[in-house]
Amino acid sequence: MEIERFELVPYHGMRGADRRTIPDRKLELMPEEGKADILTPADRRRRQRSAILVFGLFLCIVLAALATTVLAVNNGRNYKRLVRQFALEQYLLPAPPPPPLRIDKPRSLPPAEHYPPWLLNAGLERSAVFEKIEAPSAEDRCELLRDDRGTVPTFTRSGDGWECLFFETFGNAPEPAALFIQARGTERDIVSSFRIKVSLTDLTMELAVLSKAIGATERFGLPMTPETRSYLIEKLAGRTEFSSIVENYRMTFGREITDARRYNLLILPRRQMASCGEHPSPPPDRWTTPIYRMPVGCLALRSPPPQPSAS
């Protein structure tokens, strides 16, 4: 096939004479069917990515269908179990329906004579008996602080007041750990203050000193409930500073300002400010203000019967 070559010249640069010199011939090009079907590397990569995307989308649809089937069987039991496992009930589970509320009309009760008498009589299954127990004297309480090693407390009286002192050291360090107890009161059995001072200068004896201090409150006979005693043990064992009003006591525990190795525990009993049948008077300061204002109730206590003497 013979093809002639022509040089294309811009139309604007031609003159009238030049236009007539260009022969009016048609160019014959090669048909498109004759081109070779050749793929470039970019085309191959494009086709591979398209195939991977189609396969990944198909795989995700299959896996989602399988997961939905597994979670939806048995009324969605597996789905609910999975939601509860991750604690998402509030967000992924429907709210439970409210309980049915039914309001009946008020009905008038029949007269009392329609009921059997035994049902209307109020009574107790058994009668409660309170026995008055003599509290130990202050001197006997002070004697109970004596330990197994023979350390003897000191008890002194001054007029109507009394004081009990107890001091004990622990360990053989140059500055040994120590426990000091000071109890004061009036009359024979009224405690006005109970102070414990621990010196934790020897860390190897820390557990022994704190155990001795915790046991001293029980040996001295301060009445406390198990919950209050557990609260006190927790604070002393952890050396946690606190100031609380618990039961009939005001307790304060903290370290000394001059020496961080020494701690003070102060227990102040809160005495009853009103007698039986009297209205309680307002407290003198805010530290003794009760949380709940209520009258003081009284119980008639009976003394234990005298024991027959052995003849």
C-alpha atoms as a PDB file:
ATOM      1  CA  MET A   1       0.000   0.000   0.000  1.00  0.00           C
ATOM      2  CA  GLU A   2       1.491   3.300  -1.017  1.00  0.00           C
ATOM      3  CA  ILE A   3       1.038   6.330   1.183  1.00  0.00           C
ATOM      4  CA  GLU A   4       2.114   9.812   0.415  1.00  0.00           C
ATOM      5  CA  ARG A   5       3.466  12.082   3.134  1.00  0.00           C
ATOM      6  CA  PHE A   6       2.240  15.606   3.492  1.00  0.00           C
ATOM      7  CA  GLU A   7       3.491  18.435   5.671  1.00  0.00           C
ATOM      8  CA  LEU A   8       0.729  20.216   7.512  1.00  0.00           C
ATOM      9  CA  VAL A   9       1.032  23.959   7.581  1.00  0.00           C
ATOM     10  CA  PRO A  10      -1.118  26.197   9.851  1.00  0.00           C
ATOM     11  CA  TYR A  11      -4.066  27.552   7.975  1.00  0.00           C
ATOM     12  CA  HIS A  12      -3.489  31.146   9.111  1.00  0.00           C
ATOM     13  CA  GLY A  13       0.002  31.273   7.608  1.00  0.00           C
ATOM     14  CA  MET A  14      -1.053  30.286   4.122  1.00  0.00           C
ATOM     15  CA  ARG A  15      -1.714  32.638   1.304  1.00  0.00           C
ATOM     16  CA  GLY A  16      -4.270  32.264  -1.410  1.00  0.00           C
ATOM     17  CA  ALA A  17      -1.703  30.904  -3.864  1.00  0.00           C
ATOM     18  CA  ASP A  18      -0.336  28.367  -1.403  1.00  0.00           C
ATOM     19  CA  ARG A  19      -3.768  26.973  -0.752  1.00  0.00           C
ATOM     20  CA  ARG A  20      -4.142  26.096  -4.398  1.00  0.00           C
ATOM     21  CA  THR A  21      -0.840  24.213  -4.450  1.00  0.00           C
ATOM     22  CA  ILE A  22      -1.994  21.630  -1.848  1.00  0.00           C
ATOM     23  CA  PRO A  23      -3.352  18.691  -3.701  1.00  0.00           C
ATOM     24  CA  ASP A  24      -6.817  17.557  -2.711  1.00  0.00           C
ATOM     25  CA  ARG A  25      -5.973  13.988  -1.741  1.00  0.00           C
ATOM     26  CA  LYS A  26      -7.376  11.753   0.952  1.00  0.00           C
ATOM     27  CA  LEU A  27      -5.099   9.996   3.443  1.00  0.00           C
ATOM     28  CA  GLU A  28      -5.583   6.311   3.923  1.00  0.00           C
ATOM     29  CA  LEU A  29      -4.860   5.162   7.513  1.00  0.00           C
ATOM     30  CA  MET A  30      -4.309   1.680   8.853  1.00  0.00           C
ATOM     31  CA  PRO A  31      -7.513   0.062  10.169  1.00  0.00           C
ATOM     32  CA  GLU A  32      -7.831  -0.110  14.006  1.00  0.00           C
ATOM     33  CA  GLU A  33      -8.310  -3.856  13.842  1.00  0.00           C
ATOM     34  CA  GLY A  34      -4.742  -4.243  12.844  1.00  0.00           C
ATOM     35  CA  LYS A  35      -3.342  -2.971  16.155  1.00  0.00           C
ATOM     36  CA  ALA A  36      -1.679  -5.533  18.524  1.00  0.00           C
ATOM     37  CA  ASP A  37      -3.508  -6.292  21.842  1.00  0.00           C
ATOM     38  CA  ILE A  38      -0.629  -5.513  24.275  1.00  0.00           C
ATOM     39  CA  LEU A  39      -1.161  -4.748  28.045  1.00  0.00           C
ATOM     40  CA  THR A  40       1.210  -2.492  29.891  1.00  0.00           C
ATOM     41  CA  PRO A  41       2.361  -3.276  33.487  1.00  0.00           C
ATOM     42  CA  ALA A  42       0.117  -0.489  34.786  1.00  0.00           C
ATOM     43  CA  ASP A  43      -2.890  -2.147  33.145  1.00  0.00           C
ATOM     44  CA  ARG A  44      -2.000  -5.482  34.702  1.00  0.00           C
ATOM     45  CA  ARG A  45      -1.724  -3.942  38.204  1.00  0.00           C
ATOM     46  CA  ARG A  46      -5.015  -2.139  37.753  1.00  0.00           C
ATOM     47  CA  ARG A  47      -6.759  -5.377  36.799  1.00  0.00           C
ATOM     48  CA  GLN A  48      -5.206  -7.225  39.766  1.00  0.00           C
ATOM     49  CA  ARG A  49      -6.379  -4.563  42.239  1.00  0.00           C
ATOM     50  CA  SER A  50      -9.866  -4.709  40.845  1.00  0.00           C
ATOM     51  CA  ALA A  51      -9.952  -8.489  41.274  1.00  0.00           C
ATOM     52  CA  ILE A  52      -8.665  -8.252  44.897  1.00  0.00           C
ATOM     53  CA  LEU A  53     -11.278  -5.637  45.791  1.00  0.00           C
ATOM     54  CA  VAL A  54     -14.078  -7.735  44.344  1.00  0.00           C
ATOM     55  CA  PHE A  55     -12.885 -10.850  46.196  1.00  0.00           C
ATOM     56  CA  GLY A  56     -12.469  -8.966  49.506  1.00  0.00           C
ATOM     57  CA  LEU A  57     -15.946  -7.492  49.238  1.00  0.00           C
ATOM     58  CA  PHE A  58     -17.401 -10.909  48.535  1.00  0.00           C
ATOM     59  CA  LEU A  59     -15.511 -12.430  51.483  1.00  0.00           C
ATOM     60  CA  CYS A  60     -16.748  -9.704  53.865  1.00  0.00           C
ATOM     61  CA  ILE A  61     -20.324 -10.285  52.785  1.00  0.00           C
ATOM     62  CA  VAL A  62     -19.991 -14.039  53.372  1.00  0.00           C
ATOM     63  CA  LEU A  63     -18.400 -13.579  56.820  1.00  0.00           C
ATOM     64  CA  ALA A  64     -21.025 -11.008  57.842  1.00  0.00           C
ATOM     65  CA  ALA A  65     -23.782 -13.383  56.797  1.00  0.00           C
ATOM     66  CA  LEU A  66     -22.220 -16.221  58.831  1.00  0.00           C
ATOM     67  CA  ALA A  67     -21.772 -13.993  61.925  1.00  0.00           C
ATOM     68  CA  THR A  68     -25.343 -12.737  61.678  1.00  0.00           C
ATOM     69  CA  THR A  69     -26.623 -16.301  61.434  1.00  0.00           C
ATOM     70  CA  VAL A  70     -24.633 -17.418  64.481  1.00  0.00           C
ATOM     71  CA  LEU A  71     -25.724 -14.435  66.608  1.00  0.00           C
ATOM     72  CA  ALA A  72     -29.367 -14.581  65.561  1.00  0.00           C
ATOM     73  CA  VAL A  73     -30.093 -18.248  66.313  1.00  0.00           C
ATOM     74  CA  ASN A  74     -32.221 -19.129  69.359  1.00  0.00           C
ATOM     75  CA  ASN A  75     -33.830 -15.688  69.496  1.00  0.00           C
ATOM     76  CA  GLY A  76     -30.497 -13.892  69.571  1.00  0.00           C
ATOM     77  CA  ARG A  77     -29.122 -15.758  72.594  1.00  0.00           C
ATOM     78  CA  ASN A  78     -25.507 -15.544  71.386  1.00  0.00           C
ATOM     79  CA  TYR A  79     -25.896 -11.835  70.600  1.00  0.00           C
ATOM     80  CA  LYS A  80     -27.226 -11.086  74.089  1.00  0.00           C
ATOM     81  CA  ARG A  81     -24.430 -13.120  75.656  1.00  0.00           C
ATOM     82  CA  LEU A  82     -21.805 -11.176  73.661  1.00  0.00           C
ATOM     83  CA  VAL A  83     -23.338  -7.829  74.626  1.00  0.00           C
ATOM     84  CA  ARG A  84     -23.414  -8.758  78.322  1.00  0.00           C
ATOM     85  CA  GLN A  85     -19.804  -9.937  78.119  1.00  0.00           C
ATOM     86  CA  PHE A  86     -18.711  -6.397  77.161  1.00  0.00           C
ATOM     87  CA  ALA A  87     -21.247  -4.687  79.505  1.00  0.00           C
ATOM     88  CA  LEU A  88     -23.064  -2.896  76.694  1.00  0.00           C
ATOM     89  CA  GLU A  89     -26.630  -3.793  77.651  1.00  0.00           C
ATOM     90  CA  GLN A  90     -27.564  -0.147  78.039  1.00  0.00           C
ATOM     91  CA  TYR A  91     -26.560   0.667  74.447  1.00  0.00           C
ATOM     92  CA  LEU A  92     -27.119  -2.485  72.371  1.00  0.00           C
ATOM     93  CA  LEU A  93     -30.116  -4.115  74.027  1.00  0.00           C
ATOM     94  CA  PRO A  94     -33.643  -2.751  74.072  1.00  0.00           C
ATOM     95  CA  ALA A  95     -34.891  -1.361  77.359  1.00  0.00           C
ATOM     96  CA  PRO A  96     -37.075  -3.809  79.318  1.00  0.00           C
ATOM     97  CA  PRO A  97     -40.745  -2.995  79.241  1.00  0.00           C
ATOM     98  CA  PRO A  98     -42.097  -1.246  82.336  1.00  0.00           C
ATOM     99  CA  PRO A  99     -43.950  -3.468  84.776  1.00  0.00           C
ATOM    100  CA  PRO A 100     -47.688  -3.355  84.469  1.00  0.00           C
ATOM    101  CA  LEU A 101     -49.129  -0.846  86.900  1.00  0.00           C
ATOM    102  CA  ARG A 102     -52.587  -1.387  88.164  1.00  0.00           C
ATOM    103  CA  ILE A 103     -54.321   1.082  90.445  1.00  0.00           C
ATOM    104  CA  ASP A 104     -57.329  -0.264  92.246  1.00  0.00           C
ATOM    105  CA  LYS A 105     -60.028   1.789  93.774  1.00  0.00           C
ATOM    106  CA  PRO A 106     -59.731   2.350  97.538  1.00  0.00           C
ATOM    107  CA  ARG A 107     -61.798  -0.130  99.442  1.00  0.00           C
ATOM    108  CA  SER A 108     -63.195   0.383 102.878  1.00  0.00           C
ATOM    109  CA  LEU A 109     -62.137  -2.187 105.471  1.00  0.00           C
ATOM    110  CA  PRO A 110     -64.816  -4.168 107.238  1.00  0.00           C
ATOM    111  CA  PRO A 111     -65.343  -3.555 110.946  1.00  0.00           C
ATOM    112  CA  ALA A 112     -62.953  -5.079 113.420  1.00  0.00           C
ATOM    113  CA  GLU A 113     -65.532  -7.532 114.777  1.00  0.00           C
ATOM    114  CA  HIS A 114     -65.282  -9.498 111.544  1.00  0.00           C
ATOM    115  CA  TYR A 115     -61.714 -10.523 112.363  1.00  0.00           C
ATOM    116  CA  PRO A 116     -60.727 -13.122 114.955  1.00  0.00           C
ATOM    117  CA  PRO A 117     -59.494 -11.654 118.244  1.00  0.00           C
ATOM    118  CA  TRP A 118     -56.171 -13.489 118.149  1.00  0.00           C
ATOM    119  CA  LEU A 119     -55.300 -11.715 114.895  1.00  0.00           C
ATOM    120  CA  LEU A 120     -55.855  -8.239 116.352  1.00  0.00           C
ATOM    121  CA  ASN A 121     -54.011  -8.739 119.614  1.00  0.00           C
ATOM    122  CA  ALA A 122     -50.464  -7.417 119.398  1.00  0.00           C
ATOM    123  CA  GLY A 123     -47.866  -9.312 121.314  1.00  0.00           C
ATOM    124  CA  LEU A 124     -44.295 -10.525 121.381  1.00  0.00           C
ATOM    125  CA  GLU A 125     -43.138 -14.061 120.848  1.00  0.00           C
ATOM    126  CA  ARG A 126     -40.967 -13.771 123.929  1.00  0.00           C
ATOM    127  CA  SER A 127     -40.303 -11.056 126.475  1.00  0.00           C
ATOM    128  CA  ALA A 128     -36.998  -9.205 126.357  1.00  0.00           C
ATOM    129  CA  VAL A 129     -35.068  -9.000 129.623  1.00  0.00           C
ATOM    130  CA  PHE A 130     -32.209  -6.554 130.160  1.00  0.00           C
ATOM    131  CA  GLU A 131     -29.801  -7.215 132.986  1.00  0.00           C
ATOM    132  CA  LYS A 132     -27.625  -4.551 134.503  1.00  0.00           C
ATOM    133  CA  ILE A 133     -23.961  -5.519 134.566  1.00  0.00           C
ATOM    134  CA  GLU A 134     -21.585  -3.800 136.909  1.00  0.00           C
ATOM    135  CA  ALA A 135     -18.820  -2.064 134.961  1.00  0.00           C
ATOM    136  CA  PRO A 136     -15.272  -2.742 136.178  1.00  0.00           C
ATOM    137  CA  SER A 137     -13.518  -0.007 138.089  1.00  0.00           C
ATOM    138  CA  ALA A 138     -10.884   2.198 136.498  1.00  0.00           C
ATOM    139  CA  GLU A 139      -8.136   0.521 138.490  1.00  0.00           C
ATOM    140  CA  ASP A 140      -9.185  -2.918 137.234  1.00  0.00           C
ATOM    141  CA  ARG A 141      -9.242  -1.602 133.664  1.00  0.00           C
ATOM    142  CA  CYS A 142      -5.752  -0.194 134.060  1.00  0.00           C
ATOM    143  CA  GLU A 143      -4.502  -3.530 135.407  1.00  0.00           C
ATOM    144  CA  LEU A 144      -5.760  -5.258 132.226  1.00  0.00           C
ATOM    145  CA  LEU A 145      -3.107  -3.379 130.200  1.00  0.00           C
ATOM    146  CA  ARG A 146      -0.386  -5.532 131.794  1.00  0.00           C
ATOM    147  CA  ASP A 147       1.365  -7.519 129.067  1.00  0.00           C
ATOM    148  CA  ASP A 148       2.983 -10.942 128.995  1.00  0.00           C
ATOM    149  CA  ARG A 149       6.486  -9.513 129.466  1.00  0.00           C
ATOM    150  CA  GLY A 150       5.605  -8.128 132.863  1.00  0.00           C
ATOM    151  CA  THR A 151       5.276  -4.438 132.018  1.00  0.00           C
ATOM    152  CA  VAL A 152       3.058  -3.013 134.775  1.00  0.00           C
ATOM    153  CA  PRO A 153       0.847   0.055 134.217  1.00  0.00           C
ATOM    154  CA  THR A 154       0.757   2.926 136.725  1.00  0.00           C
ATOM    155  CA  PHE A 155      -2.559   3.966 138.292  1.00  0.00           C
ATOM    156  CA  THR A 156      -2.915   7.150 140.338  1.00  0.00           C
ATOM    157  CA  ARG A 157      -5.850   9.035 141.909  1.00  0.00           C
ATOM    158  CA  SER A 158      -6.221  12.751 142.454  1.00  0.00           C
ATOM    159  CA  GLY A 159      -9.459  13.801 144.122  1.00  0.00           C
ATOM    160  CA  ASP A 160     -12.358  12.622 141.997  1.00  0.00           C
ATOM    161  CA  GLY A 161     -10.137  11.991 138.983  1.00  0.00           C
ATOM    162  CA  TRP A 162      -7.799   9.173 138.108  1.00  0.00           C
ATOM    163  CA  GLU A 163      -5.059   8.493 135.542  1.00  0.00           C
ATOM    164  CA  CYS A 164      -3.636   5.296 134.066  1.00  0.00           C
ATOM    165  CA  LEU A 165      -0.219   5.284 132.356  1.00  0.00           C
ATOM    166  CA  PHE A 166       1.418   2.476 130.411  1.00  0.00           C
ATOM    167  CA  PHE A 167       4.747   2.533 128.553  1.00  0.00           C
ATOM    168  CA  GLU A 168       6.481  -0.284 126.666  1.00  0.00           C
ATOM    169  CA  THR A 169       9.454  -0.475 124.296  1.00  0.00           C
ATOM    170  CA  PHE A 170       9.987  -2.899 121.415  1.00  0.00           C
ATOM    171  CA  GLY A 171      13.238  -4.157 119.893  1.00  0.00           C
ATOM    172  CA  ASN A 172      16.888  -3.546 120.673  1.00  0.00           C
ATOM    173  CA  ALA A 173      17.598  -0.690 118.249  1.00  0.00           C
ATOM    174  CA  PRO A 174      19.464   2.423 119.458  1.00  0.00           C
ATOM    175  CA  GLU A 175      16.126   4.260 119.269  1.00  0.00           C
ATOM    176  CA  PRO A 176      13.601   1.487 119.939  1.00  0.00           C
ATOM    177  CA  ALA A 177       9.949   1.617 118.975  1.00  0.00           C
ATOM    178  CA  ALA A 178       7.614   2.445 121.845  1.00  0.00           C
ATOM    179  CA  LEU A 179       3.973   2.433 122.890  1.00  0.00           C
ATOM    180  CA  PHE A 180       2.541   4.921 125.385  1.00  0.00           C
ATOM    181  CA  ILE A 181      -1.036   4.810 126.715  1.00  0.00           C
ATOM    182  CA  GLN A 182      -2.681   7.477 128.862  1.00  0.00           C
ATOM    183  CA  ALA A 183      -6.251   7.097 130.145  1.00  0.00           C
ATOM    184  CA  ARG A 184      -8.027   9.662 132.308  1.00  0.00           C
ATOM    185  CA  GLY A 185     -11.450   9.799 133.911  1.00  0.00           C
ATOM    186  CA  THR A 186     -13.603  10.692 136.841  1.00  0.00           C
ATOM    187  CA  GLU A 187     -15.370   8.688 139.521  1.00  0.00           C
ATOM    188  CA  ARG A 188     -14.711   4.970 139.464  1.00  0.00           C
ATOM    189  CA  ASP A 189     -15.749   3.899 135.964  1.00  0.00           C
ATOM    190  CA  ILE A 190     -16.140   6.987 133.730  1.00  0.00           C
ATOM    191  CA  VAL A 191     -13.464   7.475 131.054  1.00  0.00           C
ATOM    192  CA  SER A 192     -12.999  11.040 129.844  1.00  0.00           C
ATOM    193  CA  SER A 193     -10.071  10.485 127.438  1.00  0.00           C
ATOM    194  CA  PHE A 194      -8.021   7.587 126.086  1.00  0.00           C
ATOM    195  CA  ARG A 195      -4.761   8.424 124.291  1.00  0.00           C
ATOM    196  CA  ILE A 196      -2.348   6.108 122.496  1.00  0.00           C
ATOM    197  CA  LYS A 197       1.024   7.303 121.214  1.00  0.00           C
ATOM    198  CA  VAL A 198       3.154   5.014 119.032  1.00  0.00           C
ATOM    199  CA  SER A 199       6.769   5.674 118.051  1.00  0.00           C
ATOM    200  CA  LEU A 200       7.688   3.767 114.879  1.00  0.00           C
ATOM    201  CA  THR A 201      11.396   4.535 115.035  1.00  0.00           C
ATOM    202  CA  ASP A 202      12.265   0.872 114.381  1.00  0.00           C
ATOM    203  CA  LEU A 203      10.463  -0.296 111.227  1.00  0.00           C
ATOM    204  CA  THR A 204      11.139  -3.959 112.006  1.00  0.00           C
ATOM    205  CA  MET A 205       8.848  -3.676 115.052  1.00  0.00           C
ATOM    206  CA  GLU A 206       6.095  -1.676 113.326  1.00  0.00           C
ATOM    207  CA  LEU A 207       3.619  -4.584 113.142  1.00  0.00           C
ATOM    208  CA  ALA A 208       4.130  -5.501 116.811  1.00  0.00           C
ATOM    209  CA  VAL A 209       3.606  -1.931 118.003  1.00  0.00           C
ATOM    210  CA  LEU A 210       0.424  -1.393 115.975  1.00  0.00           C
ATOM    211  CA  SER A 211      -1.000  -4.768 117.047  1.00  0.00           C
ATOM    212  CA  LYS A 212      -0.356  -3.881 120.683  1.00  0.00           C
ATOM    213  CA  ALA A 213      -2.028  -0.499 120.258  1.00  0.00           C
ATOM    214  CA  ILE A 214      -5.101  -2.020 118.612  1.00  0.00           C
ATOM    215  CA  GLY A 215      -5.422  -4.656 121.333  1.00  0.00           C
ATOM    216  CA  ALA A 216      -5.118  -2.049 124.091  1.00  0.00           C
ATOM    217  CA  THR A 217      -8.500  -0.513 123.253  1.00  0.00           C
ATOM    218  CA  GLU A 218     -10.157  -3.910 123.712  1.00  0.00           C
ATOM    219  CA  ARG A 219      -8.236  -4.885 126.847  1.00  0.00           C
ATOM    220  CA  PHE A 220      -9.028  -1.586 128.541  1.00  0.00           C
ATOM    221  CA  GLY A 221     -12.727  -2.271 128.061  1.00  0.00           C
ATOM    222  CA  LEU A 222     -13.879   0.522 125.765  1.00  0.00           C
ATOM    223  CA  PRO A 223     -17.296  -0.697 124.528  1.00  0.00           C
ATOM    224  CA  MET A 224     -17.373  -0.741 120.719  1.00  0.00           C
ATOM    225  CA  THR A 225     -19.258  -2.635 118.059  1.00  0.00           C
ATOM    226  CA  PRO A 226     -17.288  -4.999 115.792  1.00  0.00           C
ATOM    227  CA  GLU A 227     -17.789  -2.577 112.882  1.00  0.00           C
ATOM    228  CA  THR A 228     -16.252   0.329 114.822  1.00  0.00           C
ATOM    229  CA  ARG A 229     -13.346  -1.801 115.993  1.00  0.00           C
ATOM    230  CA  SER A 230     -12.710  -2.989 112.404  1.00  0.00           C
ATOM    231  CA  TYR A 231     -12.771   0.632 111.229  1.00  0.00           C
ATOM    232  CA  LEU A 232     -10.210   1.580 113.882  1.00  0.00           C
ATOM    233  CA  ILE A 233      -7.974  -1.399 113.046  1.00  0.00           C
ATOM    234  CA  GLU A 234      -8.025  -0.516 109.341  1.00  0.00           C
ATOM    235  CA  LYS A 235      -6.987   3.089 109.977  1.00  0.00           C
ATOM    236  CA  LEU A 236      -4.205   2.221 112.416  1.00  0.00           C
ATOM    237  CA  ALA A 237      -2.825  -0.621 110.296  1.00  0.00           C
ATOM    238  CA  GLY A 238      -2.634   1.621 107.240  1.00  0.00           C
ATOM    239  CA  ARG A 239      -1.433   4.639 109.254  1.00  0.00           C
ATOM    240  CA  THR A 240      -4.262   6.673 107.692  1.00  0.00           C
ATOM    241  CA  GLU A 241      -4.954   9.990 109.381  1.00  0.00           C
ATOM    242  CA  PHE A 242      -8.632  10.571 110.199  1.00  0.00           C
ATOM    243  CA  SER A 243     -10.978  12.474 112.475  1.00  0.00           C
ATOM    244  CA  SER A 244     -14.411  10.860 112.914  1.00  0.00           C
ATOM    245  CA  ILE A 245     -17.372  10.658 115.236  1.00  0.00           C
ATOM    246  CA  VAL A 246     -18.217   6.978 115.567  1.00  0.00           C
ATOM    247  CA  GLU A 247     -20.883   5.695 117.946  1.00  0.00           C
ATOM    248  CA  ASN A 248     -20.370   7.563 121.239  1.00  0.00           C
ATOM    249  CA  TYR A 249     -16.721   8.437 120.546  1.00  0.00           C
ATOM    250  CA  ARG A 250     -14.817  11.181 118.791  1.00  0.00           C
ATOM    251  CA  MET A 251     -11.614   9.673 117.379  1.00  0.00           C
ATOM    252  CA  THR A 252      -8.608  11.510 115.950  1.00  0.00           C
ATOM    253  CA  PHE A 253      -5.507   9.850 114.521  1.00  0.00           C
ATOM    254  CA  GLY A 254      -2.528  11.667 112.981  1.00  0.00           C
ATOM    255  CA  ARG A 255       1.216  12.045 113.022  1.00  0.00           C
ATOM    256  CA  GLU A 256       3.143  14.545 115.095  1.00  0.00           C
ATOM    257  CA  ILE A 257       4.310  17.758 113.492  1.00  0.00           C
ATOM    258  CA  THR A 258       7.829  17.574 114.921  1.00  0.00           C
ATOM    259  CA  ASP A 259       8.459  13.902 114.085  1.00  0.00           C
ATOM    260  CA  ALA A 260       6.696  12.022 111.260  1.00  0.00           C
ATOM    261  CA  ARG A 261       7.589   8.663 112.844  1.00  0.00           C
ATOM    262  CA  ARG A 262       5.296   9.227 115.828  1.00  0.00           C
ATOM    263  CA  TYR A 263       1.493   8.977 115.727  1.00  0.00           C
ATOM    264  CA  ASN A 264      -1.215   9.929 118.230  1.00  0.00           C
ATOM    265  CA  LEU A 265      -4.652   8.342 118.629  1.00  0.00           C
ATOM    266  CA  LEU A 266      -7.126  10.240 120.819  1.00  0.00           C
ATOM    267  CA  ILE A 267     -10.491   8.718 121.774  1.00  0.00           C
ATOM    268  CA  LEU A 268     -12.936  11.008 123.579  1.00  0.00           C
ATOM    269  CA  PRO A 269     -16.150   9.368 124.837  1.00  0.00           C
ATOM    270  CA  ARG A 270     -19.290  11.482 124.297  1.00  0.00           C
ATOM    271  CA  ARG A 271     -21.291  11.314 127.485  1.00  0.00           C
ATOM    272  CA  GLN A 272     -25.073  11.322 127.632  1.00  0.00           C
ATOM    273  CA  MET A 273     -26.228  14.913 128.092  1.00  0.00           C
ATOM    274  CA  ALA A 274     -29.789  14.210 129.244  1.00  0.00           C
ATOM    275  CA  SER A 275     -31.388  12.000 131.834  1.00  0.00           C
ATOM    276  CA  CYS A 276     -34.308   9.670 131.288  1.00  0.00           C
ATOM    277  CA  GLY A 277     -37.442  11.552 130.267  1.00  0.00           C
ATOM    278  CA  GLU A 278     -35.629  14.867 129.677  1.00  0.00           C
ATOM    279  CA  HIS A 279     -35.259  16.675 126.386  1.00  0.00           C
ATOM    280  CA  PRO A 280     -31.574  16.870 125.306  1.00  0.00           C
ATOM    281  CA  SER A 281     -30.068  20.322 125.730  1.00  0.00           C
ATOM    282  CA  PRO A 282     -28.291  22.018 122.787  1.00  0.00           C
ATOM    283  CA  PRO A 283     -24.606  21.048 122.533  1.00  0.00           C
ATOM    284  CA  PRO A 284     -22.019  23.655 123.589  1.00  0.00           C
ATOM    285  CA  ASP A 285     -19.983  23.339 120.382  1.00  0.00           C
ATOM    286  CA  ARG A 286     -20.326  21.961 116.887  1.00  0.00           C
ATOM    287  CA  TRP A 287     -18.123  18.928 117.604  1.00  0.00           C
ATOM    288  CA  THR A 288     -20.759  17.393 119.869  1.00  0.00           C
ATOM    289  CA  THR A 289     -23.738  18.118 117.612  1.00  0.00           C
ATOM    290  CA  PRO A 290     -25.663  14.890 116.989  1.00  0.00           C
ATOM    291  CA  ILE A 291     -26.439  13.880 113.429  1.00  0.00           C
ATOM    292  CA  TYR A 292     -30.045  12.981 114.278  1.00  0.00           C
ATOM    293  CA  ARG A 293     -31.918  14.808 117.019  1.00  0.00           C
ATOM    294  CA  MET A 294     -34.049  12.422 119.014  1.00  0.00           C
ATOM    295  CA  PRO A 295     -35.201  12.074 122.604  1.00  0.00           C
ATOM    296  CA  VAL A 296     -33.381   9.743 124.943  1.00  0.00           C
ATOM    297  CA  GLY A 297     -35.290   6.554 125.632  1.00  0.00           C
ATOM    298  CA  CYS A 298     -35.042   4.724 128.925  1.00  0.00           C
ATOM    299  CA  LEU A 299     -35.282   1.047 129.760  1.00  0.00           C
ATOM    300  CA  ALA A 300     -36.099  -0.300 133.166  1.00  0.00           C
ATOM    301  CA  LEU A 301     -33.141  -2.480 134.024  1.00  0.00           C
ATOM    302  CA  ARG A 302     -33.369  -5.055 136.695  1.00  0.00           C
ATOM    303  CA  SER A 303     -30.412  -6.152 138.752  1.00  0.00           C
ATOM    304  CA  PRO A 304     -29.367  -9.794 138.483  1.00  0.00           C
ATOM    305  CA  PRO A 305     -30.787 -11.984 141.235  1.00  0.00           C
ATOM    306  CA  PRO A 306     -28.410 -12.560 144.157  1.00  0.00           C
ATOM    307  CA  GLN A 307     -26.497 -15.771 144.016  1.00  0.00           C
ATOM    308  CA  PRO A 308     -27.197 -18.182 146.879  1.00  0.00           C
ATOM    309  CA  SER A 309     -24.288 -18.449 149.207  1.00  0.00           C
ATOM    310  CA  ALA A 310     -22.644 -21.822 149.468  1.00  0.00           C
ATOM    311  CA  SER A 311     -23.017 -23.214 152.965  1.00  0.00           C
END
